[in-house]
Protein backbone atom coordinates (compact mmCIF):
# COMPACT_ATOMS: atom_id res chain seq x y z
CA MET A 1 -0.21 -0.15 0.18
CA LYS A 2 1.21 3.53 -0.56
CA LEU A 3 0.02 6.48 0.84
CA THR A 4 0.96 10.19 -0.66
CA ILE A 5 2.41 12.34 2.09
CA TYR A 6 3.26 16.00 2.53
CA GLN A 7 4.87 17.94 4.35
CA VAL A 8 3.97 21.67 5.06
CA ASP A 9 5.53 24.38 7.30
CA ALA A 10 2.27 26.44 8.44
CA PHE A 11 2.13 29.81 9.65
CA THR A 12 5.11 31.19 7.34
CA ASP A 13 5.70 31.79 4.11
CA LYS A 14 9.19 30.58 4.47
CA VAL A 15 10.59 27.18 4.70
CA PHE A 16 11.95 26.06 8.02
CA GLY A 17 9.74 28.44 10.00
CA GLY A 18 6.44 27.81 11.79
CA ASN A 19 5.26 24.64 12.60
CA PRO A 20 5.69 21.67 10.36
CA ALA A 21 3.11 19.35 9.83
CA ALA A 22 2.64 15.68 8.27
CA VAL A 23 -0.86 15.95 5.70
CA ILE A 24 -1.87 12.27 4.50
CA PRO A 25 -5.22 11.99 2.62
CA LEU A 26 -7.16 9.08 2.65
CA GLN A 27 -9.57 7.40 0.77
CA ASP A 28 -10.77 5.12 3.43
CA TRP A 29 -9.95 5.42 7.15
CA LEU A 30 -6.76 3.39 8.18
CA ASP A 31 -6.76 1.18 11.32
CA GLU A 32 -6.13 3.68 14.32
CA SER A 33 -2.82 1.75 15.52
CA LEU A 34 -1.42 2.35 12.02
CA MET A 35 -2.07 5.64 11.56
CA GLN A 36 -0.39 6.11 15.56
CA LYS A 37 2.43 4.36 14.03
CA ILE A 38 3.03 6.68 10.84
CA ALA A 39 2.42 9.85 12.91
CA MET A 40 5.15 8.23 15.25
CA GLU A 41 7.35 7.41 12.32
CA ASN A 42 7.20 10.82 11.29
CA ASN A 43 8.05 12.42 14.56
CA LEU A 44 6.29 15.89 13.92
CA SER A 45 4.31 17.78 16.27
CA GLU A 46 0.80 16.45 14.29
CA THR A 47 0.29 14.49 11.32
CA ALA A 48 -3.27 15.08 9.74
CA PHE A 49 -5.08 12.88 7.97
CA PHE A 50 -8.26 13.39 6.20
CA VAL A 51 -11.06 11.39 4.59
CA LYS A 52 -13.46 13.05 1.59
CA THR A 53 -17.00 12.93 2.89
CA ASP A 54 -20.57 14.33 1.17
CA ASP A 55 -20.18 17.61 2.74
CA GLY A 56 -16.44 18.12 2.85
CA TYR A 57 -13.85 16.06 4.55
CA HIS A 58 -13.30 13.98 8.11
CA LEU A 59 -10.33 15.33 10.02
CA ARG A 60 -8.32 13.62 12.54
CA TRP A 61 -4.94 14.44 14.20
CA PHE A 62 -2.17 12.48 15.77
CA THR A 63 1.14 13.37 17.94
CA PRO A 64 3.90 10.92 17.87
CA GLN A 65 2.31 9.57 21.16
CA ASN A 66 -1.59 9.70 21.05
CA GLU A 67 -4.47 11.12 19.26
CA ILE A 68 -5.47 14.79 20.41
CA ASP A 69 -8.86 17.16 19.83
CA LEU A 70 -8.06 20.15 18.47
CA CYS A 71 -4.59 21.08 16.00
CA GLY A 72 -4.84 24.73 14.34
CA HIS A 73 -1.37 24.39 12.21
CA ALA A 74 -2.38 20.60 10.99
CA THR A 75 -5.76 21.68 10.00
CA LEU A 76 -4.36 24.90 7.95
CA ALA A 77 -1.51 22.53 6.71
CA SER A 78 -4.30 20.63 5.49
CA ALA A 79 -6.83 22.98 4.09
CA TYR A 80 -3.33 24.13 1.80
CA VAL A 81 -2.79 20.99 0.62
CA ILE A 82 -6.67 20.45 -0.49
CA LYS A 83 -6.66 24.13 -1.92
CA ASN A 84 -3.42 23.35 -3.98
CA PHE A 85 -3.26 19.98 -4.53
CA LEU A 86 -6.86 18.23 -4.28
CA GLU A 87 -9.90 21.23 -4.82
CA PRO A 88 -7.85 24.37 -6.30
CA HIS A 89 -11.13 25.80 -7.26
CA ILE A 90 -12.42 25.50 -3.43
CA GLN A 91 -12.96 28.65 -1.48
CA GLU A 92 -14.32 27.17 1.89
CA ILE A 93 -13.46 23.72 3.24
CA GLN A 94 -15.61 22.07 6.21
CA PHE A 95 -13.84 19.39 8.41
CA THR A 96 -16.13 17.39 10.50
CA THR A 97 -13.58 16.20 13.69
CA GLN A 98 -14.25 13.75 16.37
CA VAL A 99 -13.89 16.22 19.35
CA ALA A 100 -13.67 19.67 18.25
CA GLY A 101 -16.87 19.50 15.86
CA ILE A 102 -17.09 21.76 12.65
CA LEU A 103 -14.52 23.40 11.65
CA LYS A 104 -14.26 25.75 8.66
CA ALA A 105 -11.06 26.81 6.64
CA SER A 106 -10.89 29.25 3.77
CA ALA A 107 -8.30 30.37 1.34
CA LYS A 108 -8.01 33.51 -0.29
CA GLU A 109 -4.62 34.98 -2.20
CA GLY A 110 -2.35 32.75 -0.23
CA LEU A 111 -3.61 33.54 2.95
CA TYR A 112 -5.70 30.68 5.07
CA THR A 113 -8.21 31.51 7.42
CA LEU A 114 -9.15 28.99 10.29
CA ASP A 115 -12.63 28.99 11.84
CA PHE A 116 -12.25 27.82 15.23
CA PRO A 117 -14.16 27.40 18.88
CA ALA A 118 -13.34 30.09 21.40
CA ARG A 119 -11.92 28.54 24.43
CA ILE A 120 -12.23 30.93 27.04
CA PRO A 121 -9.85 30.24 30.38
CA GLU A 122 -10.97 29.87 33.94
CA PRO A 123 -9.61 31.07 36.88
CA CYS A 124 -7.67 27.95 38.99
CA ASP A 125 -5.55 26.97 41.35
CA THR A 126 -2.37 27.40 40.40
CA PRO A 127 -0.33 24.12 41.37
CA GLN A 128 3.31 24.86 42.75
CA ASN A 129 4.86 22.72 40.28
CA LEU A 130 3.34 24.61 37.26
CA LEU A 131 5.77 27.53 38.27
CA GLU A 132 8.77 25.35 38.85
CA SER A 133 8.33 23.70 35.93
CA LEU A 134 8.40 27.26 33.65
CA GLY A 135 11.43 28.71 35.89
CA VAL A 136 9.37 31.63 37.01
CA THR A 137 7.73 33.37 39.99
CA ALA A 138 6.39 36.57 38.77
CA VAL A 139 3.01 36.06 37.04
CA VAL A 140 0.42 38.49 36.00
CA GLU A 141 -2.59 35.63 36.38
CA VAL A 142 -3.11 31.61 35.71
CA LEU A 143 -6.01 30.23 34.25
CA LYS A 144 -6.95 26.73 32.79
CA SER A 145 -8.68 25.66 30.12
CA ARG A 146 -7.39 22.24 28.31
CA ASP A 147 -4.38 23.86 29.13
CA TYR A 148 -2.77 25.74 32.08
CA PHE A 149 -2.66 29.20 31.26
CA VAL A 150 -0.01 31.25 32.48
CA VAL A 151 0.17 35.20 31.96
CA LEU A 152 3.42 36.96 32.19
CA PRO A 153 4.51 40.19 32.96
CA SER A 154 6.37 40.99 29.54
CA GLU A 155 7.62 39.87 26.26
CA GLU A 156 11.03 39.49 27.28
CA ALA A 157 9.57 36.80 30.12
CA ILE A 158 8.41 34.97 27.57
CA HIS A 159 11.61 34.42 25.16
CA ASN A 160 13.71 33.96 28.90
CA LEU A 161 11.50 30.89 29.69
CA GLU A 162 13.89 27.80 30.48
CA PRO A 163 11.21 25.07 31.25
CA ASP A 164 11.80 21.99 33.21
CA PHE A 165 9.71 19.25 30.98
CA ASN A 166 10.07 16.26 33.38
CA LEU A 167 8.26 18.79 35.92
CA MET A 168 5.88 19.80 33.28
CA LYS A 169 4.90 16.22 32.48
CA GLU A 170 3.50 15.80 35.83
CA LEU A 171 1.13 18.69 36.10
CA ASP A 172 -2.57 17.53 35.53
CA ALA A 173 -3.26 19.33 31.87
CA PHE A 174 -2.64 18.54 28.31
CA GLY A 175 -0.24 21.18 28.34
CA VAL A 176 1.06 25.00 29.08
CA ILE A 177 0.52 28.26 27.42
CA ALA A 178 2.99 31.09 28.43
CA THR A 179 1.93 33.97 27.09
CA ALA A 180 2.38 38.18 27.18
CA ARG A 181 1.67 41.38 26.23
CA GLY A 182 4.07 41.64 22.71
CA ARG A 183 6.10 44.57 21.75
CA THR A 184 5.94 44.49 17.83
CA ALA A 185 2.70 42.53 18.37
CA ASP A 186 -0.46 42.46 20.41
CA THR A 187 0.83 38.95 22.01
CA VAL A 188 3.25 36.82 22.27
CA SER A 189 3.38 33.01 23.14
CA ARG A 190 5.03 29.80 24.01
CA CYS A 191 3.40 26.46 24.07
CA PHE A 192 4.39 22.99 26.12
CA PHE A 193 3.36 19.73 25.29
CA PRO A 194 5.84 17.22 26.66
CA GLY A 195 3.30 14.63 27.76
CA THR A 196 2.19 14.22 24.37
CA GLY A 197 6.05 14.29 23.01
CA ILE A 198 6.21 17.44 22.16
CA PRO A 199 8.47 19.66 24.38
CA GLU A 200 8.01 22.97 22.60
CA ASP A 201 5.39 23.27 19.84
CA PRO A 202 6.78 25.87 17.60
CA VAL A 203 3.41 27.41 16.70
CA THR A 204 0.15 26.30 17.94
CA GLY A 205 -3.47 27.63 16.62
CA SER A 206 -5.38 25.64 19.20
CA ALA A 207 -3.60 27.87 21.99
CA HIS A 208 -4.67 30.63 20.08
CA CYS A 209 -8.20 29.82 21.06
CA ASN A 210 -7.18 30.76 24.68
CA ILE A 211 -5.18 33.44 23.76
CA VAL A 212 -7.32 35.39 21.51
CA PRO A 213 -10.27 35.88 23.45
CA TYR A 214 -8.61 36.60 26.96
CA TRP A 215 -6.12 39.07 24.63
CA SER A 216 -9.05 40.36 22.79
CA GLU A 217 -10.82 41.51 26.34
CA LYS A 218 -8.02 42.64 27.56
CA LEU A 219 -6.90 44.84 25.15
CA GLY A 220 -10.51 45.97 23.84
CA LYS A 221 -10.06 45.15 20.48
CA LYS A 222 -11.34 42.58 18.25
CA GLU A 223 -8.44 41.88 15.78
CA LEU A 224 -4.95 40.86 16.82
CA THR A 225 -1.60 40.18 15.68
CA CYS A 226 0.05 37.59 17.67
CA LEU A 227 3.41 36.11 17.74
CA GLN A 228 4.63 32.61 18.88
CA VAL A 229 8.44 33.28 19.65
CA SER A 230 9.86 29.55 19.42
CA GLN A 231 12.97 29.21 17.88
CA ARG A 232 10.99 28.34 14.66
CA GLY A 233 8.70 31.39 14.95
CA GLY A 234 5.12 32.02 13.55
CA GLU A 235 2.97 34.57 13.03
CA LEU A 236 -0.81 34.61 13.30
CA PHE A 237 -3.43 37.76 12.26
CA CYS A 238 -6.48 36.50 14.44
CA ALA A 239 -9.77 37.67 14.99
CA VAL A 240 -12.85 37.06 17.79
CA LYS A 241 -15.97 36.70 16.11
CA GLY A 242 -19.05 35.69 18.61
CA ASP A 243 -17.91 32.41 20.47
CA ARG A 244 -15.14 31.77 17.29
CA VAL A 245 -11.68 32.47 16.46
CA LEU A 246 -10.40 33.37 13.07
CA MET A 247 -6.86 32.48 12.75
CA SER A 248 -5.50 33.32 9.32
CA GLY A 249 -1.47 32.53 8.42
CA LYS A 250 0.69 31.21 5.19
CA CYS A 251 1.51 27.87 4.23
CA VAL A 252 4.74 26.68 2.55
CA LEU A 253 5.41 23.31 1.06
CA TYR A 254 8.84 21.35 2.08
CA MET A 255 8.37 18.16 0.61
CA SER A 256 5.67 15.16 -0.73
CA GLY A 257 6.13 12.18 -1.34
CA GLU A 258 4.94 8.70 -1.10
CA ILE A 259 4.64 6.09 2.41
CA ILE A 260 5.55 3.05 1.32
CA LEU A 261 3.49 0.12 3.75
CA ASN A 262 4.32 -3.58 3.30
CA GLN A 263 1.90 -6.01 3.82
CA ASP A 264 2.71 -8.80 6.01
């Protein structure tokens, strides 16, 4: 069996920037254990698989260790693949997902826009090992949704983080989002998911389901420019629309090829 695979750098217009995702179009679903093995072999933060349906595409995402409930950059990369290689005349793509419901993506003049649900972080108790795992003592606020959401006092504090990933793995959350108000952008962030095999995610669309509504309220504006200041870095152009978050970015193809699976 042969499968076509694309590797796309998302939320960037330059190869080696943004967040790389593997995208694998399927005719029919593979066994879940096989998709997990493929994601492990790819060893990227996410591998996206999708199957064409009557009303769009059914989409699933896998880290090297497990299937996850929501992923922004691999959805953006999937939209890029559909638009450029499968359905070049399509303007809006509807993705059906197992947990996150209906997600939409649109393409216009090389910019891809995701329509995702907002995830409002809520007040929570602060575990002592949360701050220790980030190596910080001064924080503005600690909240939680799927992930711990830590607001730091400055962009410099975000750049200076030196996380302890072993300690972070012990937390009772999927991951940790650290964010602050930016200097040249409205917000900056870094995101960590060591429990899923992703110590630091280069650019995290799902995290901006939290970041954008939070900073929209704090800054009193509906449209935000967001930078994720990982080593690879990425830029997102975002907006709040009711209970939805719109995230726009560019993509660039790094590689395409074939997966060859020997049948026993």
